[in-house]
PDB file of all heavy atoms in Angstrom:
ATOM      1  N   ASN A   1      34.918  51.609 -81.200  1.00  0.00           N
ATOM      2  CA  ASN A   1      34.121  50.485 -80.700  1.00  0.00           C
ATOM      3  C   ASN A   1      35.011  49.511 -79.932  1.00  0.00           C
ATOM      4  O   ASN A   1      34.619  48.996 -78.889  1.00  0.00           O
ATOM      5  CB  ASN A   1      33.412  49.767 -81.848  1.00  0.00           C
ATOM      6  CG  ASN A   1      32.216  50.548 -82.367  1.00  0.00           C
ATOM      7  OD1 ASN A   1      31.735  51.450 -81.698  1.00  0.00           O
ATOM      8  ND2 ASN A   1      31.758  50.210 -83.560  1.00  0.00           N
ATOM      9  N   THR A   2      36.204  49.274 -80.460  1.00  0.00           N
ATOM     10  CA  THR A   2      37.136  48.383 -79.774  1.00  0.00           C
ATOM     11  C   THR A   2      37.544  48.985 -78.442  1.00  0.00           C
ATOM     12  O   THR A   2      37.614  48.281 -77.421  1.00  0.00           O
ATOM     13  CB  THR A   2      38.372  48.109 -80.649  1.00  0.00           C
ATOM     14  OG1 THR A   2      37.949  47.606 -81.915  1.00  0.00           O
ATOM     15  CG2 THR A   2      39.309  47.124 -80.001  1.00  0.00           C
ATOM     16  N   GLN A   3      37.835  50.302 -78.434  1.00  0.00           N
ATOM     17  CA  GLN A   3      38.215  50.969 -77.185  1.00  0.00           C
ATOM     18  C   GLN A   3      37.050  50.926 -76.185  1.00  0.00           C
ATOM     19  O   GLN A   3      37.229  50.638 -75.002  1.00  0.00           O
ATOM     20  CB  GLN A   3      38.625  52.418 -77.451  1.00  0.00           C
ATOM     21  CG  GLN A   3      39.976  52.576 -78.086  1.00  0.00           C
ATOM     22  CD  GLN A   3      40.274  54.054 -78.376  1.00  0.00           C
ATOM     23  OE1 GLN A   3      39.405  54.926 -78.243  1.00  0.00           O
ATOM     24  NE2 GLN A   3      41.512  54.323 -78.774  1.00  0.00           N
ATOM     25  N   ILE A   4      35.851  51.239 -76.725  1.00  0.00           N
ATOM     26  CA  ILE A   4      34.664  51.229 -75.856  1.00  0.00           C
ATOM     27  C   ILE A   4      34.447  49.805 -75.331  1.00  0.00           C
ATOM     28  O   ILE A   4      34.187  49.596 -74.127  1.00  0.00           O
ATOM     29  CB  ILE A   4      33.424  51.745 -76.606  1.00  0.00           C
ATOM     30  CG1 ILE A   4      33.563  53.246 -76.862  1.00  0.00           C
ATOM     31  CG2 ILE A   4      32.157  51.452 -75.817  1.00  0.00           C
ATOM     32  CD1 ILE A   4      32.474  53.815 -77.765  1.00  0.00           C
ATOM     33  N   GLU A   5      34.540  48.841 -76.221  1.00  0.00           N
ATOM     34  CA  GLU A   5      34.357  47.458 -75.795  1.00  0.00           C
ATOM     35  C   GLU A   5      35.412  47.069 -74.782  1.00  0.00           C
ATOM     36  O   GLU A   5      35.113  46.394 -73.787  1.00  0.00           O
ATOM     37  CB  GLU A   5      34.444  46.531 -77.020  1.00  0.00           C
ATOM     38  CG  GLU A   5      34.022  45.123 -76.708  1.00  0.00           C
ATOM     39  CD  GLU A   5      34.026  44.244 -77.956  1.00  0.00           C
ATOM     40  OE1 GLU A   5      33.572  44.701 -79.008  1.00  0.00           O
ATOM     41  OE2 GLU A   5      34.498  43.093 -77.824  1.00  0.00           O
ATOM     42  N   GLY A   6      36.653  47.506 -74.961  1.00  0.00           N
ATOM     43  CA  GLY A   6      37.721  47.228 -73.996  1.00  0.00           C
ATOM     44  C   GLY A   6      37.415  47.852 -72.642  1.00  0.00           C
ATOM     45  O   GLY A   6      37.598  47.234 -71.589  1.00  0.00           O
ATOM     46  N   LYS A   7      36.967  49.144 -72.695  1.00  0.00           N
ATOM     47  CA  LYS A   7      36.624  49.820 -71.437  1.00  0.00           C
ATOM     48  C   LYS A   7      35.455  49.107 -70.748  1.00  0.00           C
ATOM     49  O   LYS A   7      35.444  48.928 -69.528  1.00  0.00           O
ATOM     50  CB  LYS A   7      36.271  51.286 -71.700  1.00  0.00           C
ATOM     51  CG  LYS A   7      37.470  52.149 -72.005  1.00  0.00           C
ATOM     52  CD  LYS A   7      37.042  53.595 -72.225  1.00  0.00           C
ATOM     53  CE  LYS A   7      38.249  54.485 -72.541  1.00  0.00           C
ATOM     54  NZ  LYS A   7      37.878  55.879 -72.770  1.00  0.00           N
ATOM     55  N   VAL A   8      34.439  48.716 -71.545  1.00  0.00           N
ATOM     56  CA  VAL A   8      33.281  48.022 -70.991  1.00  0.00           C
ATOM     57  C   VAL A   8      33.733  46.703 -70.362  1.00  0.00           C
ATOM     58  O   VAL A   8      33.335  46.354 -69.242  1.00  0.00           O
ATOM     59  CB  VAL A   8      32.199  47.803 -72.070  1.00  0.00           C
ATOM     60  CG1 VAL A   8      31.142  46.812 -71.601  1.00  0.00           C
ATOM     61  CG2 VAL A   8      31.555  49.123 -72.463  1.00  0.00           C
ATOM     62  N   GLN A   9      34.587  45.974 -71.109  1.00  0.00           N
ATOM     63  CA  GLN A   9      35.079  44.693 -70.583  1.00  0.00           C
ATOM     64  C   GLN A   9      35.892  44.898 -69.310  1.00  0.00           C
ATOM     65  O   GLN A   9      35.768  44.143 -68.345  1.00  0.00           O
ATOM     66  CB  GLN A   9      35.920  43.949 -71.640  1.00  0.00           C
ATOM     67  CG  GLN A   9      35.132  43.416 -72.800  1.00  0.00           C
ATOM     68  CD  GLN A   9      34.072  42.429 -72.361  1.00  0.00           C
ATOM     69  OE1 GLN A   9      34.273  41.623 -71.447  1.00  0.00           O
ATOM     70  NE2 GLN A   9      32.906  42.509 -72.999  1.00  0.00           N
ATOM     71  N   ARG A  10      36.743  45.947 -69.339  1.00  0.00           N
ATOM     72  CA  ARG A  10      37.547  46.248 -68.161  1.00  0.00           C
ATOM     73  C   ARG A  10      36.641  46.621 -66.991  1.00  0.00           C
ATOM     74  O   ARG A  10      36.803  46.133 -65.876  1.00  0.00           O
ATOM     75  CB  ARG A  10      38.536  47.376 -68.478  1.00  0.00           C
ATOM     76  CG  ARG A  10      39.572  47.560 -67.372  1.00  0.00           C
ATOM     77  CD  ARG A  10      40.565  48.667 -67.670  1.00  0.00           C
ATOM     78  NE  ARG A  10      39.808  49.904 -67.894  1.00  0.00           N
ATOM     79  CZ  ARG A  10      40.074  50.819 -68.821  1.00  0.00           C
ATOM     80  NH1 ARG A  10      41.090  50.662 -69.603  1.00  0.00           N
ATOM     81  NH2 ARG A  10      39.322  51.888 -68.975  1.00  0.00           N
ATOM     82  N   ARG A  11      35.624  47.487 -67.243  1.00  0.00           N
ATOM     83  CA  ARG A  11      34.687  47.871 -66.187  1.00  0.00           C
ATOM     84  C   ARG A  11      33.898  46.656 -65.705  1.00  0.00           C
ATOM     85  O   ARG A  11      33.689  46.497 -64.509  1.00  0.00           O
ATOM     86  CB  ARG A  11      33.714  48.938 -66.679  1.00  0.00           C
ATOM     87  CG  ARG A  11      34.305  50.293 -66.900  1.00  0.00           C
ATOM     88  CD  ARG A  11      34.503  50.962 -65.546  1.00  0.00           C
ATOM     89  NE  ARG A  11      35.148  52.230 -65.765  1.00  0.00           N
ATOM     90  CZ  ARG A  11      34.791  53.341 -65.200  1.00  0.00           C
ATOM     91  NH1 ARG A  11      33.809  53.335 -64.346  1.00  0.00           N
ATOM     92  NH2 ARG A  11      35.425  54.446 -65.445  1.00  0.00           N
ATOM     93  N   LEU A  12      33.456  45.812 -66.619  1.00  0.00           N
ATOM     94  CA  LEU A  12      32.732  44.606 -66.220  1.00  0.00           C
ATOM     95  C   LEU A  12      33.627  43.705 -65.374  1.00  0.00           C
ATOM     96  O   LEU A  12      33.168  43.110 -64.380  1.00  0.00           O
ATOM     97  CB  LEU A  12      32.224  43.837 -67.448  1.00  0.00           C
ATOM     98  CG  LEU A  12      31.007  44.429 -68.156  1.00  0.00           C
ATOM     99  CD1 LEU A  12      30.705  43.639 -69.437  1.00  0.00           C
ATOM    100  CD2 LEU A  12      29.797  44.456 -67.258  1.00  0.00           C
ATOM    101  N   GLY A  13      34.881  43.617 -65.734  1.00  0.00           N
ATOM    102  CA  GLY A  13      35.835  42.839 -64.931  1.00  0.00           C
ATOM    103  C   GLY A  13      36.001  43.437 -63.545  1.00  0.00           C
ATOM    104  O   GLY A  13      36.023  42.716 -62.531  1.00  0.00           O
ATOM    105  N   GLU A  14      36.111  44.782 -63.505  1.00  0.00           N
ATOM    106  CA  GLU A  14      36.243  45.460 -62.209  1.00  0.00           C
ATOM    107  C   GLU A  14      34.984  45.230 -61.364  1.00  0.00           C
ATOM    108  O   GLU A  14      35.059  44.972 -60.167  1.00  0.00           O
ATOM    109  CB  GLU A  14      36.486  46.955 -62.420  1.00  0.00           C
ATOM    110  CG  GLU A  14      37.858  47.296 -62.966  1.00  0.00           C
ATOM    111  CD  GLU A  14      37.989  48.780 -63.329  1.00  0.00           C
ATOM    112  OE1 GLU A  14      37.005  49.553 -63.124  1.00  0.00           O
ATOM    113  OE2 GLU A  14      39.066  49.145 -63.805  1.00  0.00           O
ATOM    114  N   TYR A  15      33.798  45.356 -62.028  1.00  0.00           N
ATOM    115  CA  TYR A  15      32.555  45.121 -61.316  1.00  0.00           C
ATOM    116  C   TYR A  15      32.477  43.677 -60.811  1.00  0.00           C
ATOM    117  O   TYR A  15      32.032  43.409 -59.692  1.00  0.00           O
ATOM    118  CB  TYR A  15      31.346  45.428 -62.196  1.00  0.00           C
ATOM    119  CG  TYR A  15      31.129  46.900 -62.469  1.00  0.00           C
ATOM    120  CD1 TYR A  15      30.636  47.316 -63.712  1.00  0.00           C
ATOM    121  CD2 TYR A  15      31.383  47.867 -61.514  1.00  0.00           C
ATOM    122  CE1 TYR A  15      30.438  48.663 -63.987  1.00  0.00           C
ATOM    123  CE2 TYR A  15      31.187  49.221 -61.781  1.00  0.00           C
ATOM    124  CZ  TYR A  15      30.709  49.608 -63.027  1.00  0.00           C
ATOM    125  OH  TYR A  15      30.494  50.926 -63.293  1.00  0.00           O
ATOM    126  N   ALA A  16      32.905  42.756 -61.639  1.00  0.00           N
ATOM    127  CA  ALA A  16      32.888  41.338 -61.243  1.00  0.00           C
ATOM    128  C   ALA A  16      33.823  41.116 -60.061  1.00  0.00           C
ATOM    129  O   ALA A  16      33.478  40.409 -59.103  1.00  0.00           O
ATOM    130  CB  ALA A  16      33.285  40.452 -62.429  1.00  0.00           C
ATOM    131  N   LYS A  17      35.046  41.734 -60.128  1.00  0.00           N
ATOM    132  CA  LYS A  17      35.994  41.616 -59.010  1.00  0.00           C
ATOM    133  C   LYS A  17      35.392  42.241 -57.747  1.00  0.00           C
ATOM    134  O   LYS A  17      35.481  41.681 -56.667  1.00  0.00           O
ATOM    135  CB  LYS A  17      37.320  42.295 -59.343  1.00  0.00           C
ATOM    136  CG  LYS A  17      38.220  41.514 -60.233  1.00  0.00           C
ATOM    137  CD  LYS A  17      39.539  42.269 -60.414  1.00  0.00           C
ATOM    138  CE  LYS A  17      40.462  41.529 -61.352  1.00  0.00           C
ATOM    139  NZ  LYS A  17      41.712  42.288 -61.568  1.00  0.00           N
ATOM    140  N   ASP A  18      34.803  43.443 -57.919  1.00  0.00           N
ATOM    141  CA  ASP A  18      34.190  44.127 -56.782  1.00  0.00           C
ATOM    142  C   ASP A  18      33.049  43.286 -56.205  1.00  0.00           C
ATOM    143  O   ASP A  18      32.924  43.127 -54.984  1.00  0.00           O
ATOM    144  CB  ASP A  18      33.684  45.509 -57.223  1.00  0.00           C
ATOM    145  CG  ASP A  18      33.161  46.334 -56.059  1.00  0.00           C
ATOM    146  OD1 ASP A  18      33.876  46.404 -55.018  1.00  0.00           O
ATOM    147  OD2 ASP A  18      32.041  46.887 -56.163  1.00  0.00           O
ATOM    148  N   LEU A  19      32.222  42.742 -57.094  1.00  0.00           N
ATOM    149  CA  LEU A  19      31.114  41.906 -56.666  1.00  0.00           C
ATOM    150  C   LEU A  19      31.631  40.657 -55.945  1.00  0.00           C
ATOM    151  O   LEU A  19      31.113  40.268 -54.891  1.00  0.00           O
ATOM    152  CB  LEU A  19      30.257  41.506 -57.871  1.00  0.00           C
ATOM    153  CG  LEU A  19      29.021  40.673 -57.578  1.00  0.00           C
ATOM    154  CD1 LEU A  19      28.065  41.432 -56.672  1.00  0.00           C
ATOM    155  CD2 LEU A  19      28.334  40.278 -58.877  1.00  0.00           C
ATOM    156  N   GLU A  20      32.648  40.028 -56.470  1.00  0.00           N
ATOM    157  CA  GLU A  20      33.234  38.839 -55.832  1.00  0.00           C
ATOM    158  C   GLU A  20      33.829  39.202 -54.473  1.00  0.00           C
ATOM    159  O   GLU A  20      33.680  38.448 -53.513  1.00  0.00           O
ATOM    160  CB  GLU A  20      34.301  38.234 -56.757  1.00  0.00           C
ATOM    161  CG  GLU A  20      34.773  36.880 -56.343  1.00  0.00           C
ATOM    162  CD  GLU A  20      33.645  35.861 -56.277  1.00  0.00           C
ATOM    163  OE1 GLU A  20      32.733  35.882 -57.114  1.00  0.00           O
ATOM    164  OE2 GLU A  20      33.680  35.022 -55.339  1.00  0.00           O
ATOM    165  N   GLU A  21      34.480  40.360 -54.376  1.00  0.00           N
ATOM    166  CA  GLU A  21      35.054  40.814 -53.101  1.00  0.00           C
ATOM    167  C   GLU A  21      33.934  41.065 -52.088  1.00  0.00           C
ATOM    168  O   GLU A  21      34.034  40.676 -50.919  1.00  0.00           O
ATOM    169  CB  GLU A  21      35.897  42.075 -53.311  1.00  0.00           C
ATOM    170  CG  GLU A  21      36.516  42.642 -52.053  1.00  0.00           C
ATOM    171  CD  GLU A  21      37.506  41.697 -51.383  1.00  0.00           C
ATOM    172  OE1 GLU A  21      38.057  40.784 -52.033  1.00  0.00           O
ATOM    173  OE2 GLU A  21      37.730  41.857 -50.162  1.00  0.00           O
ATOM    174  N   ARG A  22      32.863  41.668 -52.533  1.00  0.00           N
ATOM    175  CA  ARG A  22      31.725  41.909 -51.640  1.00  0.00           C
ATOM    176  C   ARG A  22      31.114  40.584 -51.179  1.00  0.00           C
ATOM    177  O   ARG A  22      30.760  40.434 -50.017  1.00  0.00           O
ATOM    178  CB  ARG A  22      30.668  42.761 -52.327  1.00  0.00           C
ATOM    179  CG  ARG A  22      31.065  44.210 -52.464  1.00  0.00           C
ATOM    180  CD  ARG A  22      29.955  44.998 -53.096  1.00  0.00           C
ATOM    181  NE  ARG A  22      30.310  46.388 -53.246  1.00  0.00           N
ATOM    182  CZ  ARG A  22      29.487  47.327 -53.676  1.00  0.00           C
ATOM    183  NH1 ARG A  22      28.244  46.993 -53.999  1.00  0.00           N
ATOM    184  NH2 ARG A  22      29.877  48.566 -53.791  1.00  0.00           N
ATOM    185  N   ARG A  23      30.973  39.634 -52.118  1.00  0.00           N
ATOM    186  CA  ARG A  23      30.448  38.317 -51.753  1.00  0.00           C
ATOM    187  C   ARG A  23      31.345  37.651 -50.711  1.00  0.00           C
ATOM    188  O   ARG A  23      30.855  37.068 -49.747  1.00  0.00           O
ATOM    189  CB  ARG A  23      30.366  37.414 -52.986  1.00  0.00           C
ATOM    190  CG  ARG A  23      29.209  37.700 -53.866  1.00  0.00           C
ATOM    191  CD  ARG A  23      29.177  36.727 -55.025  1.00  0.00           C
ATOM    192  NE  ARG A  23      28.087  37.054 -55.931  1.00  0.00           N
ATOM    193  CZ  ARG A  23      28.036  36.689 -57.192  1.00  0.00           C
ATOM    194  NH1 ARG A  23      29.024  35.978 -57.720  1.00  0.00           N
ATOM    195  NH2 ARG A  23      27.015  37.029 -57.937  1.00  0.00           N
ATOM    196  N   ARG A  24      32.661  37.748 -50.943  1.00  0.00           N
ATOM    197  CA  ARG A  24      33.612  37.157 -49.995  1.00  0.00           C
ATOM    198  C   ARG A  24      33.486  37.816 -48.629  1.00  0.00           C
ATOM    199  O   ARG A  24      33.441  37.130 -47.596  1.00  0.00           O
ATOM    200  CB  ARG A  24      35.039  37.297 -50.526  1.00  0.00           C
ATOM    201  CG  ARG A  24      36.092  36.570 -49.699  1.00  0.00           C
ATOM    202  CD  ARG A  24      37.515  36.966 -50.069  1.00  0.00           C
ATOM    203  NE  ARG A  24      37.802  38.378 -49.846  1.00  0.00           N
ATOM    204  CZ  ARG A  24      38.004  38.943 -48.643  1.00  0.00           C
ATOM    205  NH1 ARG A  24      37.924  38.217 -47.559  1.00  0.00           N
ATOM    206  NH2 ARG A  24      38.271  40.229 -48.532  1.00  0.00           N
ATOM    207  N   GLN A  25      33.395  39.154 -48.599  1.00  0.00           N
ATOM    208  CA  GLN A  25      33.271  39.879 -47.338  1.00  0.00           C
ATOM    209  C   GLN A  25      31.955  39.523 -46.631  1.00  0.00           C
ATOM    210  O   GLN A  25      31.929  39.323 -45.411  1.00  0.00           O
ATOM    211  CB  GLN A  25      33.350  41.391 -47.572  1.00  0.00           C
ATOM    212  CG  GLN A  25      34.744  41.884 -47.917  1.00  0.00           C
ATOM    213  CD  GLN A  25      34.749  43.376 -48.237  1.00  0.00           C
ATOM    214  OE1 GLN A  25      33.700  44.014 -48.333  1.00  0.00           O
ATOM    215  NE2 GLN A  25      35.943  43.925 -48.421  1.00  0.00           N
ATOM    216  N   LEU A  26      30.857  39.440 -47.406  1.00  0.00           N
ATOM    217  CA  LEU A  26      29.574  39.070 -46.805  1.00  0.00           C
ATOM    218  C   LEU A  26      29.608  37.640 -46.265  1.00  0.00           C
ATOM    219  O   LEU A  26      29.096  37.367 -45.170  1.00  0.00           O
ATOM    220  CB  LEU A  26      28.432  39.214 -47.817  1.00  0.00           C
ATOM    221  CG  LEU A  26      27.948  40.634 -48.067  1.00  0.00           C
ATOM    222  CD1 LEU A  26      26.930  40.645 -49.209  1.00  0.00           C
ATOM    223  CD2 LEU A  26      27.333  41.245 -46.823  1.00  0.00           C
ATOM    224  N   ALA A  27      30.208  36.726 -47.030  1.00  0.00           N
ATOM    225  CA  ALA A  27      30.318  35.343 -46.557  1.00  0.00           C
ATOM    226  C   ALA A  27      31.155  35.295 -45.279  1.00  0.00           C
ATOM    227  O   ALA A  27      30.805  34.591 -44.324  1.00  0.00           O
ATOM    228  CB  ALA A  27      30.939  34.462 -47.637  1.00  0.00           C
ATOM    229  N   GLU A  28      32.247  36.054 -45.258  1.00  0.00           N
ATOM    230  CA  GLU A  28      33.104  36.102 -44.067  1.00  0.00           C
ATOM    231  C   GLU A  28      32.344  36.688 -42.882  1.00  0.00           C
ATOM    232  O   GLU A  28      32.421  36.176 -41.757  1.00  0.00           O
ATOM    233  CB  GLU A  28      34.352  36.939 -44.370  1.00  0.00           C
ATOM    234  CG  GLU A  28      35.412  36.890 -43.288  1.00  0.00           C
ATOM    235  CD  GLU A  28      36.647  37.672 -43.697  1.00  0.00           C
ATOM    236  OE1 GLU A  28      37.214  37.392 -44.758  1.00  0.00           O
ATOM    237  OE2 GLU A  28      37.022  38.572 -42.916  1.00  0.00           O
ATOM    238  N   GLN A  29      31.565  37.747 -43.147  1.00  0.00           N
ATOM    239  CA  GLN A  29      30.776  38.368 -42.087  1.00  0.00           C
ATOM    240  C   GLN A  29      29.720  37.385 -41.573  1.00  0.00           C
ATOM    241  O   GLN A  29      29.508  37.266 -40.359  1.00  0.00           O
ATOM    242  CB  GLN A  29      30.111  39.642 -42.607  1.00  0.00           C
ATOM    243  CG  GLN A  29      29.325  40.398 -41.547  1.00  0.00           C
ATOM    244  CD  GLN A  29      28.707  41.670 -42.100  1.00  0.00           C
ATOM    245  OE1 GLN A  29      28.897  42.022 -43.266  1.00  0.00           O
ATOM    246  NE2 GLN A  29      27.963  42.355 -41.258  1.00  0.00           N
TER     247      GLN A  29
END
């Protein structure tokens, strides 16, 4: 559960970073 939760948190962080990068790119565009 801890490993799964870590992976989920890591994936959520990656998704958040990806989402923020997309927002930045869209704002720049």
